[in-house]
N, C-alpha and C. Protein backbone atom coordinates (compact mmCIF):
# COMPACT_ATOMS: atom_id res chain seq x y z
N MET A 1 -5.74 -9.64 41.04
CA MET A 1 -7.14 -9.68 40.69
C MET A 1 -7.81 -8.34 40.95
N PHE A 2 -7.57 -7.77 42.14
CA PHE A 2 -8.20 -6.50 42.46
C PHE A 2 -7.22 -5.34 42.39
N GLY A 3 -6.01 -5.64 41.97
CA GLY A 3 -4.99 -4.61 41.89
C GLY A 3 -5.16 -3.74 40.66
N LYS A 4 -4.18 -2.91 40.47
CA LYS A 4 -4.16 -2.02 39.32
C LYS A 4 -4.07 -2.83 38.02
N LYS A 5 -4.83 -2.42 37.04
CA LYS A 5 -4.74 -3.08 35.74
C LYS A 5 -3.45 -2.67 35.07
N ARG A 6 -2.78 -3.65 34.48
CA ARG A 6 -1.56 -3.34 33.73
C ARG A 6 -1.94 -2.85 32.35
N ARG A 7 -1.35 -1.78 31.95
CA ARG A 7 -1.59 -1.26 30.61
C ARG A 7 -0.67 -1.96 29.62
N ARG A 8 -1.22 -2.27 28.48
CA ARG A 8 -0.43 -2.88 27.42
C ARG A 8 0.44 -1.82 26.78
N PRO A 9 1.67 -2.20 26.41
CA PRO A 9 2.51 -1.22 25.70
C PRO A 9 1.93 -0.93 24.32
N ILE A 10 2.20 0.27 23.85
CA ILE A 10 1.75 0.72 22.54
C ILE A 10 2.97 0.86 21.65
N THR A 11 2.87 0.37 20.44
CA THR A 11 3.95 0.56 19.47
C THR A 11 3.75 1.92 18.82
N GLN A 12 4.74 2.79 18.97
CA GLN A 12 4.64 4.16 18.48
C GLN A 12 5.67 4.40 17.38
N ILE A 13 5.26 5.17 16.38
CA ILE A 13 6.16 5.58 15.30
C ILE A 13 6.44 7.08 15.47
N GLU A 14 7.70 7.43 15.34
CA GLU A 14 8.13 8.82 15.39
C GLU A 14 8.94 9.10 14.13
N VAL A 15 8.67 10.23 13.47
CA VAL A 15 9.37 10.60 12.24
C VAL A 15 9.94 12.00 12.41
N TRP A 16 11.21 12.18 12.03
CA TRP A 16 11.89 13.47 12.14
C TRP A 16 12.33 13.99 10.78
N ALA A 17 12.38 15.30 10.69
CA ALA A 17 13.05 16.02 9.59
C ALA A 17 14.21 16.73 10.27
N GLY A 18 15.40 16.21 10.11
CA GLY A 18 16.55 16.73 10.87
C GLY A 18 16.32 16.45 12.34
N GLU A 19 16.30 17.49 13.16
CA GLU A 19 16.06 17.33 14.60
C GLU A 19 14.63 17.68 15.00
N LYS A 20 13.79 17.98 14.03
CA LYS A 20 12.40 18.35 14.31
C LYS A 20 11.48 17.14 14.17
N LEU A 21 10.76 16.82 15.24
CA LEU A 21 9.78 15.74 15.20
C LEU A 21 8.59 16.21 14.37
N ILE A 22 8.30 15.53 13.26
CA ILE A 22 7.24 15.99 12.36
C ILE A 22 6.00 15.10 12.37
N ALA A 23 6.12 13.90 12.91
CA ALA A 23 4.95 13.02 13.00
C ALA A 23 5.22 11.98 14.08
N GLU A 24 4.17 11.68 14.83
CA GLU A 24 4.27 10.61 15.82
C GLU A 24 2.88 10.11 16.14
N GLY A 25 2.82 8.88 16.56
CA GLY A 25 1.54 8.32 16.95
C GLY A 25 1.59 6.81 17.00
N PRO A 26 0.52 6.22 17.51
CA PRO A 26 0.45 4.76 17.57
C PRO A 26 0.53 4.15 16.19
N MET A 27 1.18 3.02 16.11
CA MET A 27 1.38 2.33 14.84
C MET A 27 0.06 2.12 14.10
N GLU A 28 -0.99 1.77 14.82
CA GLU A 28 -2.28 1.48 14.20
C GLU A 28 -2.90 2.70 13.53
N GLU A 29 -2.52 3.89 13.96
CA GLU A 29 -3.12 5.12 13.44
C GLU A 29 -2.21 5.89 12.50
N PHE A 30 -0.99 5.39 12.28
CA PHE A 30 -0.02 6.14 11.48
C PHE A 30 -0.49 6.25 10.04
N GLN A 31 -0.41 7.46 9.50
CA GLN A 31 -0.86 7.73 8.13
C GLN A 31 0.32 7.75 7.16
N PHE A 32 0.19 7.00 6.09
CA PHE A 32 1.20 6.97 5.04
C PHE A 32 0.78 7.84 3.87
N GLN A 33 1.76 8.29 3.10
CA GLN A 33 1.52 9.15 1.94
C GLN A 33 1.09 8.31 0.74
N GLU A 34 0.20 8.87 -0.04
CA GLU A 34 -0.38 8.16 -1.20
C GLU A 34 0.66 7.66 -2.21
N PRO A 35 1.71 8.44 -2.56
CA PRO A 35 2.68 7.92 -3.54
C PRO A 35 3.33 6.61 -3.09
N GLY A 36 3.61 6.50 -1.81
CA GLY A 36 4.19 5.27 -1.29
C GLY A 36 3.22 4.12 -1.30
N ILE A 37 1.96 4.39 -0.98
CA ILE A 37 0.92 3.35 -1.01
C ILE A 37 0.81 2.79 -2.42
N ILE A 38 0.76 3.68 -3.42
CA ILE A 38 0.64 3.26 -4.82
C ILE A 38 1.88 2.47 -5.25
N ALA A 39 3.06 2.97 -4.91
CA ALA A 39 4.31 2.29 -5.29
C ALA A 39 4.39 0.89 -4.69
N MET A 40 4.03 0.78 -3.41
CA MET A 40 4.08 -0.54 -2.76
C MET A 40 3.00 -1.47 -3.32
N SER A 41 1.84 -0.93 -3.63
CA SER A 41 0.77 -1.73 -4.21
C SER A 41 1.18 -2.26 -5.58
N ASN A 42 1.84 -1.41 -6.36
CA ASN A 42 2.36 -1.85 -7.66
C ASN A 42 3.37 -2.99 -7.49
N LYS A 43 4.26 -2.84 -6.52
CA LYS A 43 5.30 -3.84 -6.30
C LYS A 43 4.71 -5.16 -5.79
N LEU A 44 3.82 -5.07 -4.81
CA LEU A 44 3.28 -6.29 -4.19
C LEU A 44 2.19 -6.97 -5.01
N PHE A 45 1.32 -6.16 -5.63
CA PHE A 45 0.12 -6.72 -6.26
C PHE A 45 -0.04 -6.36 -7.73
N ASN A 46 0.92 -5.60 -8.29
CA ASN A 46 0.78 -5.10 -9.66
C ASN A 46 -0.55 -4.36 -9.81
N ASP A 47 -0.83 -3.50 -8.84
CA ASP A 47 -2.12 -2.81 -8.75
C ASP A 47 -1.88 -1.33 -8.49
N SER A 48 -2.13 -0.48 -9.49
CA SER A 48 -1.90 0.95 -9.32
C SER A 48 -3.13 1.70 -8.78
N ASP A 49 -4.22 0.97 -8.59
CA ASP A 49 -5.44 1.55 -8.02
C ASP A 49 -5.93 0.60 -6.92
N PRO A 50 -5.20 0.58 -5.78
CA PRO A 50 -5.47 -0.44 -4.77
C PRO A 50 -6.82 -0.28 -4.06
N CYS A 51 -7.47 -1.42 -3.86
CA CYS A 51 -8.69 -1.47 -3.07
C CYS A 51 -8.31 -1.37 -1.59
N GLU A 52 -9.29 -1.33 -0.72
CA GLU A 52 -9.03 -1.21 0.72
C GLU A 52 -8.26 -2.42 1.26
N ILE A 53 -8.51 -3.59 0.71
CA ILE A 53 -7.79 -4.79 1.17
C ILE A 53 -6.31 -4.66 0.81
N HIS A 54 -6.00 -4.26 -0.42
CA HIS A 54 -4.60 -4.08 -0.81
C HIS A 54 -3.96 -2.93 -0.04
N ARG A 55 -4.71 -1.86 0.20
CA ARG A 55 -4.18 -0.74 0.99
C ARG A 55 -3.80 -1.21 2.40
N GLY A 56 -4.66 -2.02 2.99
CA GLY A 56 -4.37 -2.54 4.33
C GLY A 56 -3.14 -3.42 4.34
N ALA A 57 -3.00 -4.25 3.32
CA ALA A 57 -1.83 -5.13 3.23
C ALA A 57 -0.55 -4.32 3.02
N VAL A 58 -0.63 -3.31 2.18
CA VAL A 58 0.52 -2.43 1.93
C VAL A 58 0.90 -1.70 3.21
N ARG A 59 -0.07 -1.19 3.91
CA ARG A 59 0.16 -0.47 5.16
C ARG A 59 0.87 -1.38 6.18
N TRP A 60 0.37 -2.60 6.28
CA TRP A 60 0.95 -3.57 7.22
C TRP A 60 2.39 -3.88 6.84
N GLN A 61 2.66 -4.08 5.55
CA GLN A 61 4.02 -4.36 5.09
C GLN A 61 4.95 -3.19 5.39
N ALA A 62 4.48 -1.97 5.20
CA ALA A 62 5.29 -0.78 5.49
C ALA A 62 5.60 -0.70 6.98
N LEU A 63 4.61 -0.97 7.81
CA LEU A 63 4.82 -0.93 9.26
C LEU A 63 5.82 -1.98 9.70
N LEU A 64 5.70 -3.19 9.16
CA LEU A 64 6.64 -4.25 9.51
C LEU A 64 8.05 -3.92 9.06
N ALA A 65 8.19 -3.34 7.87
CA ALA A 65 9.52 -2.94 7.37
C ALA A 65 10.13 -1.88 8.27
N MET A 66 9.32 -0.92 8.70
CA MET A 66 9.83 0.14 9.57
C MET A 66 10.23 -0.41 10.93
N GLU A 67 9.40 -1.28 11.48
CA GLU A 67 9.69 -1.86 12.79
C GLU A 67 10.97 -2.70 12.74
N SER A 68 11.12 -3.47 11.68
CA SER A 68 12.30 -4.31 11.51
C SER A 68 13.57 -3.48 11.35
N ALA A 69 13.50 -2.41 10.56
CA ALA A 69 14.67 -1.56 10.33
C ALA A 69 15.06 -0.77 11.57
N SER A 70 14.07 -0.37 12.36
CA SER A 70 14.33 0.48 13.51
C SER A 70 14.83 -0.29 14.72
N GLY A 71 14.13 -1.33 15.09
CA GLY A 71 14.51 -2.09 16.29
C GLY A 71 14.55 -1.23 17.54
N GLY A 72 13.77 -0.16 17.59
CA GLY A 72 13.71 0.72 18.75
C GLY A 72 14.66 1.90 18.68
N ALA A 73 15.57 1.88 17.71
CA ALA A 73 16.55 2.97 17.57
C ALA A 73 16.10 3.94 16.49
N ARG A 74 16.58 5.14 16.58
CA ARG A 74 16.31 6.15 15.54
C ARG A 74 17.27 5.89 14.38
N VAL A 75 16.71 5.66 13.20
CA VAL A 75 17.52 5.32 12.03
C VAL A 75 17.13 6.17 10.82
N SER A 76 18.02 6.20 9.85
CA SER A 76 17.78 6.96 8.62
C SER A 76 16.69 6.30 7.79
N VAL A 77 15.89 7.12 7.10
CA VAL A 77 14.88 6.59 6.19
C VAL A 77 15.54 5.85 5.04
N ASP A 78 16.83 6.08 4.81
CA ASP A 78 17.55 5.37 3.75
C ASP A 78 17.69 3.88 4.06
N ALA A 79 17.41 3.48 5.29
CA ALA A 79 17.43 2.05 5.65
C ALA A 79 16.21 1.31 5.09
N LEU A 80 15.24 2.07 4.59
CA LEU A 80 14.00 1.48 4.06
C LEU A 80 14.08 1.30 2.55
N GLU A 81 13.28 0.38 2.04
CA GLU A 81 13.14 0.23 0.59
C GLU A 81 12.54 1.53 0.04
N PRO A 82 12.83 1.87 -1.22
CA PRO A 82 12.34 3.13 -1.79
C PRO A 82 10.82 3.29 -1.70
N GLU A 83 10.07 2.22 -1.88
CA GLU A 83 8.62 2.30 -1.83
C GLU A 83 8.13 2.66 -0.42
N VAL A 84 8.76 2.08 0.59
CA VAL A 84 8.38 2.39 1.97
C VAL A 84 8.79 3.81 2.31
N LYS A 85 9.97 4.19 1.88
CA LYS A 85 10.46 5.56 2.10
C LYS A 85 9.49 6.58 1.48
N ALA A 86 8.96 6.27 0.30
CA ALA A 86 8.02 7.18 -0.37
C ALA A 86 6.70 7.29 0.39
N ALA A 87 6.41 6.33 1.25
CA ALA A 87 5.17 6.37 2.02
C ALA A 87 5.26 7.33 3.21
N LEU A 88 6.47 7.73 3.56
CA LEU A 88 6.65 8.69 4.66
C LEU A 88 6.55 10.11 4.12
N LEU A 89 6.51 11.06 5.02
CA LEU A 89 6.50 12.47 4.60
C LEU A 89 7.77 12.76 3.81
N PRO A 90 7.68 13.55 2.73
CA PRO A 90 8.85 13.79 1.87
C PRO A 90 10.06 14.36 2.60
N GLU A 91 9.81 15.15 3.63
CA GLU A 91 10.93 15.78 4.35
C GLU A 91 11.53 14.88 5.43
N ALA A 92 11.00 13.70 5.62
CA ALA A 92 11.48 12.79 6.67
C ALA A 92 12.93 12.39 6.43
N THR A 93 13.72 12.43 7.50
CA THR A 93 15.13 12.02 7.41
C THR A 93 15.42 10.81 8.30
N THR A 94 14.76 10.73 9.45
CA THR A 94 14.95 9.60 10.35
C THR A 94 13.61 9.20 10.95
N PHE A 95 13.58 7.99 11.50
CA PHE A 95 12.37 7.51 12.17
C PHE A 95 12.75 6.53 13.27
N ARG A 96 11.77 6.24 14.12
CA ARG A 96 11.95 5.25 15.18
C ARG A 96 10.61 4.58 15.43
N VAL A 97 10.66 3.28 15.66
CA VAL A 97 9.49 2.52 16.07
C VAL A 97 9.85 1.93 17.43
N ARG A 98 9.04 2.24 18.44
CA ARG A 98 9.37 1.77 19.80
C ARG A 98 8.11 1.52 20.59
N GLU A 99 8.27 0.77 21.65
CA GLU A 99 7.18 0.49 22.57
C GLU A 99 7.15 1.58 23.64
N VAL A 100 5.95 2.11 23.90
CA VAL A 100 5.76 3.07 24.98
C VAL A 100 4.64 2.55 25.88
N GLU A 101 4.64 3.02 27.10
CA GLU A 101 3.59 2.60 28.03
C GLU A 101 2.24 3.13 27.58
N GLY A 102 1.23 2.27 27.65
CA GLY A 102 -0.11 2.63 27.18
C GLY A 102 -0.88 3.44 28.10
């Protein structure tokens, strides 16, 4: 009750180009590339000009796909569907989704 507050873990995404870390941050703040957003919106909603609701749904689907493929390990972007892969930086080769202390 009066002890130290426990911090909730944060889900973090890390993206590499070869051995160089090129992007990292909390899952909620991770930015996807527009070509991937459009491609996923076309696939999910047949919508090439997605509204904010469709963008949010596409973003969530991409995050879930990445989290599922990674399982905490660093894996190749080739493990992702082409639309999700297109949402990452073009030079991305591997990524990881993991829990870190908040």
